């Protein structure tokens, strides 16, 4: 009896289905592990206010006021390009111009009318006197002494039409401005810096903690 062998080919529909599944799997696996970075808008959009009036921050000591105001304004315009800021001057001068004795919602509304601004930014900044911070080791073999400054900054953004507060925040902390460590063998470490040398560093640290609400953030999302 003569025997014949036959090869059986795949059905065209089966081949197409296999190719489709293979291609889909390749597409899915190629996206695994990939991420995209998305921009999250800032919590506070300053551009909703055509013009923001800036009252000079009240400083303790007084010389901190103008410096902190200029630095804060610079950071705001860096965070959101195109923001228009109008410098109104020191608080007491602004209050006299609108006939008020304190910065409340009525004064804010008066400032809006007097200066033609849509919002008002105000703030305070204070540095404490240099204070000592002394620590003794548990074994009583060494002692360390630091000079520190406590600092705080607060800011508030008011809606000029209603006098309501649209945003407010505060930042604070303490910073070493000098120190020395003593042991049985005498001084082992000494760090000295004057408050004036540290002032800009402290101010920028306070402002950086405050202005986050005005800056976009970025999050990563898996594809």
Protein backbone atom coordinates (compact mmCIF):
# COMPACT_ATOMS: atom_id res chain seq x y z
CA UNK A 1 0.00 0.00 0.00
CA UNK A 2 1.39 3.35 -0.97
CA UNK A 3 1.56 5.82 1.87
CA UNK A 4 1.35 9.58 1.45
CA UNK A 5 2.29 12.26 3.96
CA UNK A 6 0.48 15.60 4.12
CA UNK A 7 1.47 18.83 5.87
CA UNK A 8 -1.35 20.68 7.55
CA UNK A 9 -1.13 24.52 7.31
CA UNK A 10 -2.59 26.98 9.87
CA UNK A 11 -5.94 28.50 9.07
CA UNK A 12 -5.52 32.16 7.90
CA UNK A 13 -7.87 33.41 10.65
CA UNK A 14 -5.78 31.64 13.30
CA UNK A 15 -2.60 33.25 11.97
CA UNK A 16 -4.14 36.72 12.07
CA UNK A 17 -5.40 36.20 15.63
CA UNK A 18 -1.95 35.06 16.75
CA UNK A 19 -0.29 38.06 15.15
CA UNK A 20 -2.79 40.42 16.77
CA UNK A 21 -2.27 38.93 20.25
CA UNK A 22 1.52 38.98 19.83
CA UNK A 23 1.49 42.60 18.71
CA UNK A 24 -0.81 43.67 21.53
CA UNK A 25 1.34 41.92 24.14
CA UNK A 26 4.45 43.58 22.74
CA UNK A 27 2.76 46.98 22.91
CA UNK A 28 1.61 46.47 26.49
CA UNK A 29 4.95 45.18 27.74
CA UNK A 30 6.85 47.95 25.98
CA UNK A 31 4.96 50.49 28.10
CA UNK A 32 5.73 48.75 31.40
CA UNK A 33 8.05 50.76 33.58
CA UNK A 34 7.70 53.96 31.57
CA UNK A 35 6.50 57.13 33.30
CA UNK A 36 5.52 60.59 32.26
CA UNK A 37 5.95 63.78 34.29
CA UNK A 38 2.84 65.88 34.68
CA UNK A 39 2.69 69.49 35.84
CA UNK A 40 0.32 70.32 38.69
CA UNK A 41 -0.72 74.01 38.67
CA UNK A 42 0.13 76.12 41.74
CA UNK A 43 -2.41 76.18 44.54
CA UNK A 44 -2.68 79.97 44.23
CA UNK A 45 -2.90 81.52 40.76
CA UNK A 46 -1.71 85.11 41.11
CA UNK A 47 -2.64 85.99 37.54
CA UNK A 48 -6.32 86.18 38.47
CA UNK A 49 -5.39 89.57 39.94
CA UNK A 50 -4.46 92.12 37.22
CA UNK A 51 -2.48 94.20 39.77
CA UNK A 52 -1.34 93.22 43.27
CA UNK A 53 -0.44 95.99 45.70
CA UNK A 54 2.45 95.14 48.01
CA UNK A 55 2.63 96.72 51.44
CA UNK A 56 6.19 96.72 52.76
CA UNK A 57 6.62 93.92 55.29
CA UNK A 58 6.84 94.97 58.93
CA UNK A 59 10.25 93.93 60.22
CA UNK A 60 11.65 93.32 63.69
CA UNK A 61 14.22 94.81 63.65
CA UNK A 62 12.85 97.43 61.25
CA UNK A 63 15.59 97.07 58.60
CA UNK A 64 14.38 93.56 57.80
CA UNK A 65 11.16 94.94 56.29
CA UNK A 66 12.37 96.43 52.98
CA UNK A 67 14.85 93.62 52.30
CA UNK A 68 12.38 90.80 52.93
CA UNK A 69 9.74 92.56 50.79
CA UNK A 70 12.04 92.84 47.79
CA UNK A 71 13.15 89.23 48.10
CA UNK A 72 9.55 88.01 48.42
CA UNK A 73 8.46 90.00 45.36
CA UNK A 74 11.35 88.60 43.34
CA UNK A 75 10.37 85.05 44.24
CA UNK A 76 6.73 85.63 43.31
CA UNK A 77 7.64 86.95 39.88
CA UNK A 78 10.03 84.05 39.42
CA UNK A 79 7.28 81.59 40.35
CA UNK A 80 4.67 83.08 38.01
CA UNK A 81 5.97 85.14 35.12
CA UNK A 82 4.00 88.23 34.23
CA UNK A 83 2.57 88.93 37.69
CA UNK A 84 2.18 92.69 38.14
CA UNK A 85 3.19 94.05 41.54
CA UNK A 86 2.72 97.64 42.69
CA UNK A 87 4.85 98.73 45.65
CA UNK A 88 2.68 100.78 48.01
CA UNK A 89 5.28 101.64 50.66
CA UNK A 90 5.47 101.15 54.44
CA UNK A 91 2.33 100.09 56.30
CA UNK A 92 1.95 103.25 58.40
CA UNK A 93 2.22 105.42 55.28
CA UNK A 94 -0.39 103.36 53.41
CA UNK A 95 -2.82 103.40 56.35
CA UNK A 96 -2.53 107.17 56.67
CA UNK A 97 -3.28 107.56 52.96
CA UNK A 98 -6.58 105.67 53.33
CA UNK A 99 -7.54 107.06 56.75
CA UNK A 100 -7.30 103.85 58.76
CA UNK A 101 -5.32 102.91 61.86
CA UNK A 102 -4.99 99.14 61.31
CA UNK A 103 -4.86 96.69 58.43
CA UNK A 104 -8.31 95.09 58.53
CA UNK A 105 -10.79 94.23 55.81
CA UNK A 106 -12.11 97.81 55.68
CA UNK A 107 -8.59 99.17 55.22
CA UNK A 108 -7.93 96.62 52.48
CA UNK A 109 -11.02 97.72 50.57
CA UNK A 110 -9.96 101.34 50.96
CA UNK A 111 -6.47 100.51 49.68
CA UNK A 112 -8.00 98.83 46.66
CA UNK A 113 -9.99 101.96 45.82
CA UNK A 114 -7.17 104.40 46.56
CA UNK A 115 -4.43 102.64 44.60
CA UNK A 116 -6.50 100.80 41.99
CA UNK A 117 -5.22 97.34 42.92
CA UNK A 118 -7.11 94.05 42.82
CA UNK A 119 -5.33 92.37 45.73
CA UNK A 120 -3.06 93.40 48.58
CA UNK A 121 -0.03 91.48 49.86
CA UNK A 122 1.23 92.19 53.38
CA UNK A 123 3.56 90.45 55.79
CA UNK A 124 5.77 90.47 58.86
CA UNK A 125 9.26 89.17 59.55
CA UNK A 126 11.09 88.98 62.86
CA UNK A 127 14.52 87.90 64.10
CA UNK A 128 15.12 87.28 67.78
CA UNK A 129 18.17 88.42 69.67
CA UNK A 130 21.08 85.99 69.52
CA UNK A 131 20.56 83.41 72.27
CA UNK A 132 22.92 80.82 73.75
CA UNK A 133 22.25 77.07 73.48
CA UNK A 134 24.53 75.07 75.79
CA UNK A 135 24.79 71.26 75.87
CA UNK A 136 26.87 69.05 78.16
CA UNK A 137 27.79 65.49 77.17
CA UNK A 138 26.39 62.65 79.32
CA UNK A 139 29.93 61.77 80.43
CA UNK A 140 30.61 65.39 81.43
CA UNK A 141 33.78 65.34 79.32
CA UNK A 142 32.74 67.94 76.77
CA UNK A 143 30.51 70.94 76.47
CA UNK A 144 29.19 72.66 73.37
CA UNK A 145 27.76 76.13 73.13
CA UNK A 146 25.93 77.61 70.16
CA UNK A 147 24.59 81.04 69.40
CA UNK A 148 21.22 80.82 67.66
CA UNK A 149 18.64 83.13 66.11
CA UNK A 150 14.91 82.39 66.03
CA UNK A 151 13.19 83.78 62.94
CA UNK A 152 9.62 83.89 61.63
CA UNK A 153 7.86 85.24 58.55
CA UNK A 154 4.14 85.52 57.83
CA UNK A 155 2.39 86.74 54.68
CA UNK A 156 -1.21 87.34 53.67
CA UNK A 157 -2.93 87.94 50.33
CA UNK A 158 -6.18 89.89 50.55
CA UNK A 159 -8.90 90.34 47.94
CA UNK A 160 -9.19 94.11 47.55
CA UNK A 161 -12.86 94.13 46.55
CA UNK A 162 -14.17 92.23 49.57
CA UNK A 163 -11.32 92.53 52.07
CA UNK A 164 -11.33 88.74 52.50
CA UNK A 165 -8.13 86.74 52.96
CA UNK A 166 -7.43 84.61 49.89
CA UNK A 167 -4.18 83.10 51.19
CA UNK A 168 -2.02 83.18 54.29
CA UNK A 169 0.97 81.22 55.53
CA UNK A 170 3.85 81.34 58.00
CA UNK A 171 7.32 79.86 58.26
CA UNK A 172 9.75 79.78 61.18
CA UNK A 173 12.86 78.11 62.52
CA UNK A 174 16.15 78.70 64.30
CA UNK A 175 19.61 79.01 62.84
CA UNK A 176 23.08 78.76 64.42
CA UNK A 177 25.28 81.82 63.98
CA UNK A 178 28.22 80.64 66.04
CA UNK A 179 29.40 77.82 68.23
CA UNK A 180 32.28 76.14 70.02
CA UNK A 181 32.91 72.68 71.46
CA UNK A 182 35.20 72.20 74.48
CA UNK A 183 36.64 68.93 75.76
CA UNK A 184 39.28 67.79 78.24
CA UNK A 185 41.91 68.64 75.63
CA UNK A 186 40.63 72.17 75.04
CA UNK A 187 38.64 73.64 72.11
CA UNK A 188 37.98 71.10 69.36
CA UNK A 189 35.67 73.03 67.02
CA UNK A 190 34.74 76.65 66.60
CA UNK A 191 32.29 78.17 64.11
CA UNK A 192 31.67 81.89 64.13
CA UNK A 193 29.49 84.02 61.87
CA UNK A 194 27.78 87.30 62.54
CA UNK A 195 23.98 87.66 62.30
CA UNK A 196 24.46 90.08 59.40
CA UNK A 197 26.29 87.41 57.41
CA UNK A 198 23.49 84.94 58.07
CA UNK A 199 20.59 87.30 57.44
CA UNK A 200 20.18 86.68 53.70
CA UNK A 201 20.42 82.92 54.18
CA UNK A 202 17.74 82.96 56.88
CA UNK A 203 15.43 85.26 54.91
CA UNK A 204 15.62 83.08 51.80
CA UNK A 205 14.94 79.94 53.85
CA UNK A 206 11.81 81.56 55.29
CA UNK A 207 10.62 82.78 51.88
CA UNK A 208 11.29 79.45 50.16
CA UNK A 209 9.04 77.75 52.71
CA UNK A 210 6.30 80.33 52.11
CA UNK A 211 6.19 80.60 48.33
CA UNK A 212 5.56 76.92 47.53
CA UNK A 213 1.84 77.60 47.11
CA UNK A 214 2.66 79.87 44.16
CA UNK A 215 4.82 77.37 42.30
CA UNK A 216 3.79 74.45 40.07
CA UNK A 217 4.71 70.96 41.23
CA UNK A 218 5.54 67.88 39.21
CA UNK A 219 4.33 64.32 39.63
CA UNK A 220 5.31 61.14 37.80
CA UNK A 221 2.62 58.83 36.45
CA UNK A 222 3.09 55.34 35.04
CA UNK A 223 1.92 54.77 31.50
